[in-house]
C-alpha atoms as a PDB file:
ATOM      1  CA  MET A   1      24.253 -13.338 166.166  1.00  0.00           C
ATOM      2  CA  GLU A   2      26.190 -10.745 164.199  1.00  0.00           C
ATOM      3  CA  ARG A   3      25.230 -12.610 161.011  1.00  0.00           C
ATOM      4  CA  ARG A   4      21.543 -12.216 161.777  1.00  0.00           C
ATOM      5  CA  VAL A   5      21.988  -8.488 162.394  1.00  0.00           C
ATOM      6  CA  LEU A   6      24.025  -8.134 159.196  1.00  0.00           C
ATOM      7  CA  TYR A   7      21.402  -9.756 156.977  1.00  0.00           C
ATOM      8  CA  HIS A   8      18.562  -7.921 158.702  1.00  0.00           C
ATOM      9  CA  LEU A   9      20.282  -4.621 157.901  1.00  0.00           C
ATOM     10  CA  LEU A  10      21.061  -5.771 154.359  1.00  0.00           C
ATOM     11  CA  ARG A  11      17.404  -6.602 153.743  1.00  0.00           C
ATOM     12  CA  LYS A  12      16.265  -3.238 155.153  1.00  0.00           C
ATOM     13  CA  ASN A  13      18.790  -1.421 152.987  1.00  0.00           C
ATOM     14  CA  CYS A  14      17.608  -3.191 149.839  1.00  0.00           C
ATOM     15  CA  LEU A  15      13.974  -2.463 150.669  1.00  0.00           C
ATOM     16  CA  ASP A  16      14.804   1.223 151.158  1.00  0.00           C
ATOM     17  CA  LYS A  17      17.063   1.370 148.094  1.00  0.00           C
ATOM     18  CA  PRO A  18      15.835  -1.015 145.370  1.00  0.00           C
ATOM     19  CA  SER A  19      18.960  -0.258 143.334  1.00  0.00           C
ATOM     20  CA  ALA A  20      21.158  -1.895 146.003  1.00  0.00           C
ATOM     21  CA  SER A  21      22.558  -5.262 144.930  1.00  0.00           C
ATOM     22  CA  ALA A  22      22.286  -8.505 146.907  1.00  0.00           C
ATOM     23  CA  GLU A  23      21.782 -12.202 146.321  1.00  0.00           C
ATOM     24  CA  PRO A  24      18.118 -13.301 146.630  1.00  0.00           C
ATOM     25  CA  TRP A  25      18.856 -15.576 149.619  1.00  0.00           C
ATOM     26  CA  GLN A  26      20.519 -12.666 151.461  1.00  0.00           C
ATOM     27  CA  ILE A  27      17.375 -10.533 151.487  1.00  0.00           C
ATOM     28  CA  GLN A  28      14.744 -13.278 151.508  1.00  0.00           C
ATOM     29  CA  ASN A  29      11.868 -12.746 153.942  1.00  0.00           C
ATOM     30  CA  TYR A  30      12.397 -15.985 155.836  1.00  0.00           C
ATOM     31  CA  ARG A  31       9.477 -15.237 158.159  1.00  0.00           C
ATOM     32  CA  ALA A  32       7.119 -15.534 155.192  1.00  0.00           C
ATOM     33  CA  MET A  33       8.435 -18.970 154.134  1.00  0.00           C
ATOM     34  CA  SER A  34       6.668 -22.183 155.132  1.00  0.00           C
ATOM     35  CA  TYR A  35       8.694 -24.674 157.137  1.00  0.00           C
ATOM     36  CA  ASP A  36       8.438 -27.122 154.211  1.00  0.00           C
ATOM     37  CA  THR A  37      10.198 -24.587 151.991  1.00  0.00           C
ATOM     38  CA  LEU A  38      12.801 -23.888 154.677  1.00  0.00           C
ATOM     39  CA  LEU A  39      13.548 -27.613 155.028  1.00  0.00           C
ATOM     40  CA  HIS A  40      13.670 -28.026 151.244  1.00  0.00           C
ATOM     41  CA  ASP A  41      16.210 -25.203 150.870  1.00  0.00           C
ATOM     42  CA  LEU A  42      18.261 -26.669 153.700  1.00  0.00           C
ATOM     43  CA  ASP A  43      18.257 -30.044 151.965  1.00  0.00           C
ATOM     44  CA  LYS A  44      19.562 -28.410 148.772  1.00  0.00           C
ATOM     45  CA  LEU A  45      22.513 -27.112 150.796  1.00  0.00           C
ATOM     46  CA  GLY A  46      23.344 -30.661 151.863  1.00  0.00           C
ATOM     47  CA  ILE A  47      21.655 -30.769 155.268  1.00  0.00           C
ATOM     48  CA  PRO A  48      18.614 -33.087 155.064  1.00  0.00           C
ATOM     49  CA  LEU A  49      16.314 -32.654 158.080  1.00  0.00           C
ATOM     50  CA  ASP A  50      12.642 -33.047 158.861  1.00  0.00           C
ATOM     51  CA  ARG A  51      10.665 -31.676 161.780  1.00  0.00           C
ATOM     52  CA  THR A  52      11.337 -34.693 163.991  1.00  0.00           C
ATOM     53  CA  SER A  53      15.089 -34.751 163.414  1.00  0.00           C
ATOM     54  CA  PHE A  54      15.309 -30.970 163.779  1.00  0.00           C
ATOM     55  CA  ASN A  55      13.524 -31.065 167.137  1.00  0.00           C
ATOM     56  CA  ALA A  56      15.737 -33.900 168.325  1.00  0.00           C
ATOM     57  CA  LEU A  57      18.828 -31.845 167.502  1.00  0.00           C
ATOM     58  CA  ALA A  58      17.384 -28.641 168.954  1.00  0.00           C
ATOM     59  CA  ASP A  59      16.845 -30.416 172.293  1.00  0.00           C
ATOM     60  CA  GLN A  60      20.631 -30.634 172.598  1.00  0.00           C
ATOM     61  CA  PHE A  61      21.327 -26.914 172.149  1.00  0.00           C
ATOM     62  CA  ASP A  62      20.309 -23.596 173.674  1.00  0.00           C
ATOM     63  CA  SER A  63      20.285 -21.465 170.533  1.00  0.00           C
ATOM     64  CA  PRO A  64      20.074 -21.666 166.729  1.00  0.00           C
ATOM     65  CA  GLU A  65      23.690 -20.440 166.630  1.00  0.00           C
ATOM     66  CA  ASP A  66      24.919 -23.434 168.651  1.00  0.00           C
ATOM     67  CA  LEU A  67      22.901 -25.835 166.494  1.00  0.00           C
ATOM     68  CA  THR A  68      24.210 -24.277 163.260  1.00  0.00           C
ATOM     69  CA  ASN A  69      27.814 -24.455 164.454  1.00  0.00           C
ATOM     70  CA  ASP A  70      27.390 -28.138 165.262  1.00  0.00           C
ATOM     71  CA  LEU A  71      25.780 -28.946 161.913  1.00  0.00           C
ATOM     72  CA  LEU A  72      28.539 -27.123 160.014  1.00  0.00           C
ATOM     73  CA  LYS A  73      31.408 -28.600 161.997  1.00  0.00           C
ATOM     74  CA  GLY A  74      34.009 -29.708 159.448  1.00  0.00           C
ATOM     75  CA  SER A  75      31.842 -28.490 156.550  1.00  0.00           C
ATOM     76  CA  ASP A  76      33.437 -27.595 153.221  1.00  0.00           C
ATOM     77  CA  LEU A  77      30.609 -25.203 152.330  1.00  0.00           C
ATOM     78  CA  SER A  78      31.610 -21.659 151.386  1.00  0.00           C
ATOM     79  CA  GLN A  79      31.105 -18.926 153.978  1.00  0.00           C
ATOM     80  CA  GLU A  80      28.106 -17.590 152.048  1.00  0.00           C
ATOM     81  CA  LYS A  81      26.423 -21.010 152.001  1.00  0.00           C
ATOM     82  CA  GLN A  82      27.130 -21.427 155.695  1.00  0.00           C
ATOM     83  CA  ASP A  83      25.415 -18.100 156.299  1.00  0.00           C
ATOM     84  CA  HIS A  84      22.469 -19.299 154.199  1.00  0.00           C
ATOM     85  CA  VAL A  85      22.272 -22.446 156.334  1.00  0.00           C
ATOM     86  CA  TYR A  86      22.253 -20.293 159.469  1.00  0.00           C
ATOM     87  CA  LEU A  87      19.364 -18.130 158.266  1.00  0.00           C
ATOM     88  CA  LEU A  88      17.314 -21.241 157.471  1.00  0.00           C
ATOM     89  CA  ILE A  89      18.116 -22.898 160.808  1.00  0.00           C
ATOM     90  CA  PHE A  90      17.292 -19.662 162.615  1.00  0.00           C
ATOM     91  CA  GLU A  91      13.808 -19.505 161.100  1.00  0.00           C
ATOM     92  CA  LEU A  92      13.162 -23.232 161.623  1.00  0.00           C
ATOM     93  CA  TRP A  93      14.055 -22.746 165.283  1.00  0.00           C
ATOM     94  CA  ARG A  94      11.363 -20.076 165.531  1.00  0.00           C
ATOM     95  CA  HIS A  95       8.866 -22.415 163.824  1.00  0.00           C
ATOM     96  CA  PHE A  96       9.592 -25.637 165.712  1.00  0.00           C
ATOM     97  CA  VAL A  97      10.901 -24.687 169.177  1.00  0.00           C
ATOM     98  CA  PRO A  98       9.385 -21.273 170.015  1.00  0.00           C
ATOM     99  CA  GLU A  99       9.498 -22.161 173.709  1.00  0.00           C
ATOM    100  CA  LYS A 100      13.318 -21.993 173.602  1.00  0.00           C
ATOM    101  CA  LEU A 101      13.654 -18.221 173.490  1.00  0.00           C
ATOM    102  CA  SER A 102      17.334 -17.599 172.858  1.00  0.00           C
ATOM    103  CA  LEU A 103      18.717 -14.065 172.996  1.00  0.00           C
ATOM    104  CA  SER A 104      19.059 -13.953 169.199  1.00  0.00           C
ATOM    105  CA  ILE A 105      15.448 -15.071 168.673  1.00  0.00           C
ATOM    106  CA  PHE A 106      14.224 -12.416 171.105  1.00  0.00           C
ATOM    107  CA  CYS A 107      16.341  -9.672 169.522  1.00  0.00           C
ATOM    108  CA  ASP A 108      15.081 -10.636 166.074  1.00  0.00           C
ATOM    109  CA  GLU A 109      11.488 -10.425 167.303  1.00  0.00           C
ATOM    110  CA  LEU A 110      12.165  -7.032 168.882  1.00  0.00           C
ATOM    111  CA  ASP A 111      13.713  -5.804 165.614  1.00  0.00           C
ATOM    112  CA  HIS A 112      10.723  -7.127 163.677  1.00  0.00           C
ATOM    113  CA  MET A 113       8.212  -5.377 165.944  1.00  0.00           C
ATOM    114  CA  ILE A 114      10.175  -2.099 165.772  1.00  0.00           C
ATOM    115  CA  ASP A 115      10.258  -2.321 161.965  1.00  0.00           C
ATOM    116  CA  LEU A 116       6.483  -2.857 161.821  1.00  0.00           C
ATOM    117  CA  TYR A 117       5.930   0.009 164.237  1.00  0.00           C
ATOM    118  CA  ASP A 118       8.177   2.347 162.226  1.00  0.00           C
ATOM    119  CA  LYS A 119       6.153   1.518 159.113  1.00  0.00           C
ATOM    120  CA  GLY A 120       2.928   2.320 160.973  1.00  0.00           C
ATOM    121  CA  GLU A 121       1.451  -1.095 160.276  1.00  0.00           C
ATOM    122  CA  GLY A 122      -1.827  -1.605 162.105  1.00  0.00           C
ATOM    123  CA  GLY A 123      -1.894  -3.904 165.107  1.00  0.00           C
ATOM    124  CA  SER A 124       1.859  -3.734 165.689  1.00  0.00           C
ATOM    125  CA  GLU A 125       1.800  -1.686 168.897  1.00  0.00           C
ATOM    126  CA  GLU A 126       0.456  -4.426 171.164  1.00  0.00           C
ATOM    127  CA  GLY A 127       3.150  -6.834 169.983  1.00  0.00           C
ATOM    128  CA  LEU A 128       5.766  -4.130 170.427  1.00  0.00           C
ATOM    129  CA  GLN A 129       4.616  -3.419 173.972  1.00  0.00           C
ATOM    130  CA  ASP A 130       4.933  -7.133 174.761  1.00  0.00           C
ATOM    131  CA  ALA A 131       8.471  -7.172 173.315  1.00  0.00           C
ATOM    132  CA  VAL A 132       9.445  -4.057 175.296  1.00  0.00           C
ATOM    133  CA  ALA A 133       8.071  -5.650 178.489  1.00  0.00           C
ATOM    134  CA  THR A 134      10.133  -8.783 177.798  1.00  0.00           C
ATOM    135  CA  LEU A 135      13.207  -6.616 177.222  1.00  0.00           C
ATOM    136  CA  ALA A 136      12.757  -5.061 180.674  1.00  0.00           C
ATOM    137  CA  VAL A 137      12.423  -8.516 182.257  1.00  0.00           C
ATOM    138  CA  ILE A 138      15.564  -9.819 180.508  1.00  0.00           C
ATOM    139  CA  LEU A 139      17.580  -6.783 181.616  1.00  0.00           C
ATOM    140  CA  ASP A 140      16.361  -7.050 185.210  1.00  0.00           C
ATOM    141  CA  GLU A 141      17.046 -10.789 185.374  1.00  0.00           C
ATOM    142  CA  ASN A 142      20.609 -10.303 184.171  1.00  0.00           C
ATOM    143  CA  THR A 143      21.370  -7.417 186.506  1.00  0.00           C
ATOM    144  CA  ASP A 144      19.926  -9.446 189.396  1.00  0.00           C
ATOM    145  CA  ARG A 145      22.616 -12.008 188.563  1.00  0.00           C
ATOM    146  CA  GLY A 146      25.340  -9.401 188.972  1.00  0.00           C
ATOM    147  CA  ILE A 147      25.812  -8.051 185.438  1.00  0.00           C
ATOM    148  CA  GLU A 148      26.284  -4.274 185.257  1.00  0.00           C
ATOM    149  CA  PRO A 149      23.184  -2.543 183.839  1.00  0.00           C
ATOM    150  CA  HIS A 150      25.065  -0.871 180.960  1.00  0.00           C
ATOM    151  CA  GLU A 151      26.805  -4.143 180.113  1.00  0.00           C
ATOM    152  CA  ALA A 152      23.482  -5.997 179.933  1.00  0.00           C
ATOM    153  CA  PHE A 153      21.901  -3.288 177.809  1.00  0.00           C
ATOM    154  CA  ASN A 154      24.876  -3.038 175.452  1.00  0.00           C
ATOM    155  CA  ALA A 155      24.837  -6.801 174.892  1.00  0.00           C
ATOM    156  CA  ILE A 156      21.228  -6.672 173.732  1.00  0.00           C
ATOM    157  CA  ASN A 157      21.741  -3.496 171.714  1.00  0.00           C
ATOM    158  CA  ALA A 158      24.666  -5.117 169.877  1.00  0.00           C
ATOM    159  CA  SER A 159      22.430  -8.086 169.031  1.00  0.00           C
ATOM    160  CA  CYS A 160      19.759  -5.897 167.397  1.00  0.00           C
ATOM    161  CA  ALA A 161      19.696  -4.230 163.991  1.00  0.00           C
ATOM    162  CA  ASN A 162      17.904  -1.196 165.468  1.00  0.00           C
ATOM    163  CA  ASP A 163      19.449   1.238 167.947  1.00  0.00           C
ATOM    164  CA  ILE A 164      17.424   0.241 171.011  1.00  0.00           C
ATOM    165  CA  GLU A 165      18.244   3.330 173.073  1.00  0.00           C
ATOM    166  CA  SER A 166      17.092   5.669 170.278  1.00  0.00           C
ATOM    167  CA  PHE A 167      13.974   3.566 169.774  1.00  0.00           C
ATOM    168  CA  LEU A 168      13.100   3.693 173.482  1.00  0.00           C
ATOM    169  CA  TYR A 169      13.481   7.476 173.540  1.00  0.00           C
ATOM    170  CA  ASN A 170      11.226   7.930 170.518  1.00  0.00           C
ATOM    171  CA  PHE A 171       8.684   5.377 171.752  1.00  0.00           C
ATOM    172  CA  ILE A 172       8.402   6.962 175.204  1.00  0.00           C
ATOM    173  CA  ALA A 173       8.266  10.450 173.642  1.00  0.00           C
ATOM    174  CA  GLU A 174       5.308   9.313 171.560  1.00  0.00           C
ATOM    175  CA  GLN A 175       3.517   8.014 174.655  1.00  0.00           C
ATOM    176  CA  ILE A 176       3.991  11.454 176.204  1.00  0.00           C
ATOM    177  CA  ASP A 177       2.732  13.105 172.990  1.00  0.00           C
ATOM    178  CA  ILE A 178      -0.527  11.156 173.239  1.00  0.00           C
ATOM    179  CA  LYS A 179      -0.657  11.816 177.018  1.00  0.00           C
ATOM    180  CA  ASN A 180      -0.365   8.151 177.945  1.00  0.00           C
ATOM    181  CA  VAL A 181       1.159   9.210 181.269  1.00  0.00           C
ATOM    182  CA  PRO A 182       1.024   5.917 183.237  1.00  0.00           C
ATOM    183  CA  TYR A 183       2.688   3.886 180.487  1.00  0.00           C
ATOM    184  CA  ALA A 184       5.340   6.536 179.753  1.00  0.00           C
ATOM    185  CA  SER A 185       6.161   6.724 183.464  1.00  0.00           C
ATOM    186  CA  GLU A 186       6.414   2.935 183.673  1.00  0.00           C
ATOM    187  CA  LEU A 187       8.806   2.810 180.714  1.00  0.00           C
ATOM    188  CA  LEU A 188      11.026   5.517 182.187  1.00  0.00           C
ATOM    189  CA  ASP A 189      11.213   3.568 185.449  1.00  0.00           C
ATOM    190  CA  ASP A 190      11.975   0.323 183.604  1.00  0.00           C
ATOM    191  CA  PHE A 191      14.855   1.597 181.466  1.00  0.00           C
ATOM    192  CA  ASP A 192      16.352   4.633 183.188  1.00  0.00           C
ATOM    193  CA  ALA A 193      19.111   2.573 184.829  1.00  0.00           C
ATOM    194  CA  TYR A 194      20.193   1.036 181.516  1.00  0.00           C
ATOM    195  CA  VAL A 195      20.540   3.856 178.995  1.00  0.00           C
ATOM    196  CA  ALA A 196      23.935   5.448 178.382  1.00  0.00           C
ATOM    197  CA  ASP A 197      22.977   9.025 177.458  1.00  0.00           C
ATOM    198  CA  LYS A 198      20.966  10.053 180.526  1.00  0.00           C
ATOM    199  CA  LYS A 199      20.198  13.588 179.347  1.00  0.00           C
ATOM    200  CA  TRP A 200      17.622  12.354 176.822  1.00  0.00           C
ATOM    201  CA  PHE A 201      15.718  10.399 179.464  1.00  0.00           C
ATOM    202  CA  ASP A 202      15.961  13.333 181.889  1.00  0.00           C
ATOM    203  CA  LEU A 203      14.333  15.426 179.177  1.00  0.00           C
ATOM    204  CA  LEU A 204      11.509  12.892 178.906  1.00  0.00           C
ATOM    205  CA  LYS A 205      11.061  13.069 182.681  1.00  0.00           C
ATOM    206  CA  GLY A 206      10.739  16.838 182.371  1.00  0.00           C
ATOM    207  CA  ARG A 207       8.114  16.517 179.643  1.00  0.00           C
ATOM    208  CA  LEU A 208       6.187  14.068 181.789  1.00  0.00           C
ATOM    209  CA  MET A 209       6.356  16.410 184.775  1.00  0.00           C
ATOM    210  CA  TYR A 210       4.913  19.240 182.666  1.00  0.00           C
ATOM    211  CA  LEU A 211       1.904  17.019 181.963  1.00  0.00           C
ATOM    212  CA  THR A 212       1.432  16.140 185.626  1.00  0.00           C
ATOM    213  CA  GLU A 213       2.109  19.727 186.743  1.00  0.00           C
ATOM    214  CA  GLU A 214       4.786  18.734 189.247  1.00  0.00           C
ATOM    215  CA  SER A 215       6.423  21.752 190.882  1.00  0.00           C
ATOM    216  CA  GLU A 216       9.919  20.216 190.658  1.00  0.00           C
ATOM    217  CA  VAL A 217       9.917  20.324 186.852  1.00  0.00           C
ATOM    218  CA  ASN A 218      11.546  23.759 186.602  1.00  0.00           C
ATOM    219  CA  VAL A 219      14.358  22.684 188.924  1.00  0.00           C
ATOM    220  CA  LEU A 220      14.936  19.561 186.805  1.00  0.00           C
ATOM    221  CA  MET A 221      14.982  21.521 183.539  1.00  0.00           C
ATOM    222  CA  ARG A 222      17.315  24.206 184.916  1.00  0.00           C
ATOM    223  CA  ASP A 223      19.738  21.524 186.136  1.00  0.00           C
ATOM    224  CA  LEU A 224      19.514  19.666 182.824  1.00  0.00           C
ATOM    225  CA  VAL A 225      20.326  22.803 180.835  1.00  0.00           C
ATOM    226  CA  LYS A 226      23.263  23.673 183.112  1.00  0.00           C
ATOM    227  CA  LYS A 227      24.745  20.194 182.661  1.00  0.00           C
ATOM    228  CA  THR A 228      24.325  20.006 178.883  1.00  0.00           C
ATOM    229  CA  ILE A 229      24.505  23.543 177.464  1.00  0.00           C
ATOM    230  CA  ALA A 230      28.296  23.375 177.059  1.00  0.00           C
ATOM    231  CA  GLN A 231      28.011  20.221 174.921  1.00  0.00           C
ATOM    232  CA  GLN A 232      26.679  22.266 171.980  1.00  0.00           C
ATOM    233  CA  ASP A 233      24.424  19.439 170.834  1.00  0.00           C
ATOM    234  CA  LEU A 234      22.050  20.989 168.292  1.00  0.00           C
ATOM    235  CA  GLU A 235      19.641  18.048 168.132  1.00  0.00           C
ATOM    236  CA  PHE A 236      19.329  17.925 171.905  1.00  0.00           C
ATOM    237  CA  ASN A 237      18.943  21.696 172.209  1.00  0.00           C
ATOM    238  CA  LEU A 238      16.078  21.640 169.726  1.00  0.00           C
ATOM    239  CA  GLU A 239      14.380  18.866 171.705  1.00  0.00           C
ATOM    240  CA  VAL A 240      14.804  20.881 174.909  1.00  0.00           C
ATOM    241  CA  LEU A 241      13.258  23.952 173.296  1.00  0.00           C
ATOM    242  CA  SER A 242      10.359  21.859 172.014  1.00  0.00           C
ATOM    243  CA  ALA A 243       9.818  20.455 175.516  1.00  0.00           C
ATOM    244  CA  LEU A 244       9.899  23.918 177.055  1.00  0.00           C
ATOM    245  CA  THR A 245       6.971  24.988 174.864  1.00  0.00           C
ATOM    246  CA  GLU A 246       4.869  22.817 177.173  1.00  0.00           C
ATOM    247  CA  GLY A 247       5.348  25.297 180.024  1.00  0.00           C
ATOM    248  CA  GLY A 248       9.036  25.947 180.653  1.00  0.00           C
ATOM    249  CA  GLU A 249      10.480  29.001 182.357  1.00  0.00           C
ATOM    250  CA  GLN A 250      11.224  31.871 180.001  1.00  0.00           C
ATOM    251  CA  SER A 251      14.740  32.386 181.339  1.00  0.00           C
ATOM    252  CA  VAL A 252      15.603  28.739 180.604  1.00  0.00           C
ATOM    253  CA  PHE A 253      14.057  28.906 177.134  1.00  0.00           C
ATOM    254  CA  VAL A 254      15.950  32.090 176.256  1.00  0.00           C
ATOM    255  CA  THR A 255      19.259  30.649 177.513  1.00  0.00           C
ATOM    256  CA  VAL A 256      18.904  27.552 175.325  1.00  0.00           C
ATOM    257  CA  ALA A 257      17.514  29.505 172.357  1.00  0.00           C
ATOM    258  CA  ARG A 258      20.384  32.010 172.262  1.00  0.00           C
ATOM    259  CA  GLN A 259      22.973  29.223 172.351  1.00  0.00           C
ATOM    260  CA  THR A 260      21.083  27.157 169.771  1.00  0.00           C
ATOM    261  CA  LEU A 261      21.000  30.099 167.395  1.00  0.00           C
ATOM    262  CA  LEU A 262      24.800  29.837 167.094  1.00  0.00           C
ATOM    263  CA  LEU A 263      24.638  26.115 166.211  1.00  0.00           C
ATOM    264  CA  LEU A 264      22.207  26.299 163.279  1.00  0.00           C
ATOM    265  CA  LYS A 265      23.729  25.392 159.899  1.00  0.00           C
ATOM    266  CA  THR A 266      20.909  25.536 157.343  1.00  0.00           C
ATOM    267  CA  GLU A 267      17.901  27.668 156.482  1.00  0.00           C
ATOM    268  CA  GLU A 268      15.633  24.728 157.303  1.00  0.00           C
ATOM    269  CA  GLU A 269      17.059  24.491 160.805  1.00  0.00           C
ATOM    270  CA  PHE A 270      16.627  28.242 161.276  1.00  0.00           C
ATOM    271  CA  GLN A 271      12.992  28.184 160.144  1.00  0.00           C
ATOM    272  CA  ASP A 272      12.230  25.180 162.370  1.00  0.00           C
ATOM    273  CA  PHE A 273      13.853  27.092 165.232  1.00  0.00           C
ATOM    274  CA  LEU A 274      11.680  30.148 164.507  1.00  0.00           C
ATOM    275  CA  MET A 275       8.524  28.012 164.570  1.00  0.00           C
ATOM    276  CA  THR A 276       9.490  26.599 167.973  1.00  0.00           C
ATOM    277  CA  CYS A 277       9.998  30.144 169.296  1.00  0.00           C
ATOM    278  CA  ILE A 278       6.603  31.158 167.902  1.00  0.00           C
ATOM    279  CA  GLU A 279       4.961  28.183 169.609  1.00  0.00           C
ATOM    280  CA  TYR A 280       6.625  29.016 172.924  1.00  0.00           C
ATOM    281  CA  PHE A 281       5.583  32.674 173.025  1.00  0.00           C
ATOM    282  CA  HIS A 282       2.096  31.717 171.852  1.00  0.00           C
ATOM    283  CA  PHE A 283       1.849  29.436 174.899  1.00  0.00           C
ATOM    284  CA  LEU A 284       2.879  32.358 177.149  1.00  0.00           C
ATOM    285  CA  ASP A 285       0.407  34.729 175.419  1.00  0.00           C
ATOM    286  CA  HIS A 286       3.311  37.062 174.545  1.00  0.00           C
ATOM    287  CA  ASP A 287       1.595  38.307 171.404  1.00  0.00           C
ATOM    288  CA  SER A 288       4.149  40.980 170.509  1.00  0.00           C
ATOM    289  CA  LYS A 289       7.075  38.541 170.567  1.00  0.00           C
ATOM    290  CA  GLU A 290       5.084  35.870 168.742  1.00  0.00           C
ATOM    291  CA  LEU A 291       4.107  38.284 165.953  1.00  0.00           C
ATOM    292  CA  ALA A 292       7.645  39.722 165.645  1.00  0.00           C
ATOM    293  CA  ILE A 293       9.121  36.258 165.142  1.00  0.00           C
ATOM    294  CA  GLN A 294       6.303  35.312 162.780  1.00  0.00           C
ATOM    295  CA  LYS A 295       7.252  38.331 160.659  1.00  0.00           C
ATOM    296  CA  ILE A 296      10.883  37.139 160.429  1.00  0.00           C
ATOM    297  CA  LEU A 297       9.658  33.714 159.314  1.00  0.00           C
ATOM    298  CA  GLU A 298       7.316  35.149 156.666  1.00  0.00           C
ATOM    299  CA  GLN A 299      10.162  37.202 155.186  1.00  0.00           C
ATOM    300  CA  ARG A 300      12.170  34.015 154.595  1.00  0.00           C
ATOM    301  CA  ILE A 301       9.480  31.891 153.011  1.00  0.00           C
ATOM    302  CA  ASN A 302      11.125  31.856 149.554  1.00  0.00           C
ATOM    303  CA  ILE A 303      14.661  31.044 150.709  1.00  0.00           C
ATOM    304  CA  PRO A 304      15.768  27.475 149.780  1.00  0.00           C
ATOM    305  CA  LEU A 305      15.732  25.277 152.863  1.00  0.00           C
ATOM    306  CA  ASP A 306      19.112  23.725 152.054  1.00  0.00           C
ATOM    307  CA  GLN A 307      20.824  27.128 151.898  1.00  0.00           C
ATOM    308  CA  ALA A 308      23.578  27.626 154.475  1.00  0.00           C
ATOM    309  CA  TRP A 309      22.571  29.710 157.496  1.00  0.00           C
ATOM    310  CA  ASN A 310      24.892  32.438 158.768  1.00  0.00           C
ATOM    311  CA  PRO A 311      24.341  33.415 162.447  1.00  0.00           C
ATOM    312  CA  GLN A 312      25.918  36.803 161.697  1.00  0.00           C
ATOM    313  CA  LEU A 313      23.041  37.838 159.401  1.00  0.00           C
ATOM    314  CA  PRO A 314      20.642  40.607 160.541  1.00  0.00           C
ATOM    315  CA  PRO A 315      17.720  38.235 161.332  1.00  0.00           C
ATOM    316  CA  ALA A 316      19.845  36.611 164.046  1.00  0.00           C
ATOM    317  CA  GLU A 317      20.495  39.932 165.740  1.00  0.00           C
ATOM    318  CA  GLU A 318      16.840  40.875 165.453  1.00  0.00           C
ATOM    319  CA  LEU A 319      15.820  37.590 166.992  1.00  0.00           C
ATOM    320  CA  LYS A 320      18.296  37.976 169.866  1.00  0.00           C
ATOM    321  CA  GLY A 321      16.663  41.311 170.636  1.00  0.00           C
ATOM    322  CA  ILE A 322      13.186  39.754 170.669  1.00  0.00           C
ATOM    323  CA  LEU A 323      14.319  36.901 172.916  1.00  0.00           C
ATOM    324  CA  SER A 324      15.916  39.233 175.447  1.00  0.00           C
END
């Protein structure tokens, strides 16, 4: 399965960077090829099969990897040609025996749906939701058989070209953004036991609780900040601050903001931070604080965004005063 992941990543890299070099077969879109073409290319590599013979062989194996290994047993083909054979067999398996859903076939489909979704291609979300639902079923079935949740999740994550935990966080966050509360809640319930970095999912729970106006949300956010503030994770801090603009306690916001101010490295990060502060105080109707921070931002409009940020500069001290 590592070969499939490797060539999936290679193809994505070449699509993103046309200057990257690769052999045509390595980045071929096998999904777009007809099964006649796939069989023809396989024949050119010395493995003559038709649909009937392929299906007869596939009946004897549980995955395209097992079938490929059997076909190449004792082969004198180079490693690259063996990889080419595998990619062809993999796609023929999807064409001819779709009912035999091996782990690699599922992970490839999940990767494909995530790629379409990331590109914003129309009609991809329904297919992605189906793939995510299947992922939850696979994880539950394996844990019911005694496999540890993290072990089951890591096995699938390692078999995918995309980082599944990061994808799930972003996908659920988007459902919260569009206020799709029932589906976001369902996803959090489905995957909470499997993810490794719990703080990100706890943050999503907090965001969801803000939408549903649950009284426990402030307790959850205070506990989350206490547990994670010492980690000095800039990306997470910024996400926490963004979440708190939906109704978080001012004392919690100020605590995170003052610590985050020390972690900023660039002018762009500082300006993004200022805009989050403006949004928060606008939500609270604290006009004087909102306008004071807006003034700091306006004074920096001509500074290059990639310029290094120094937390010892006067704007930092001014901002600390406004926050307190």
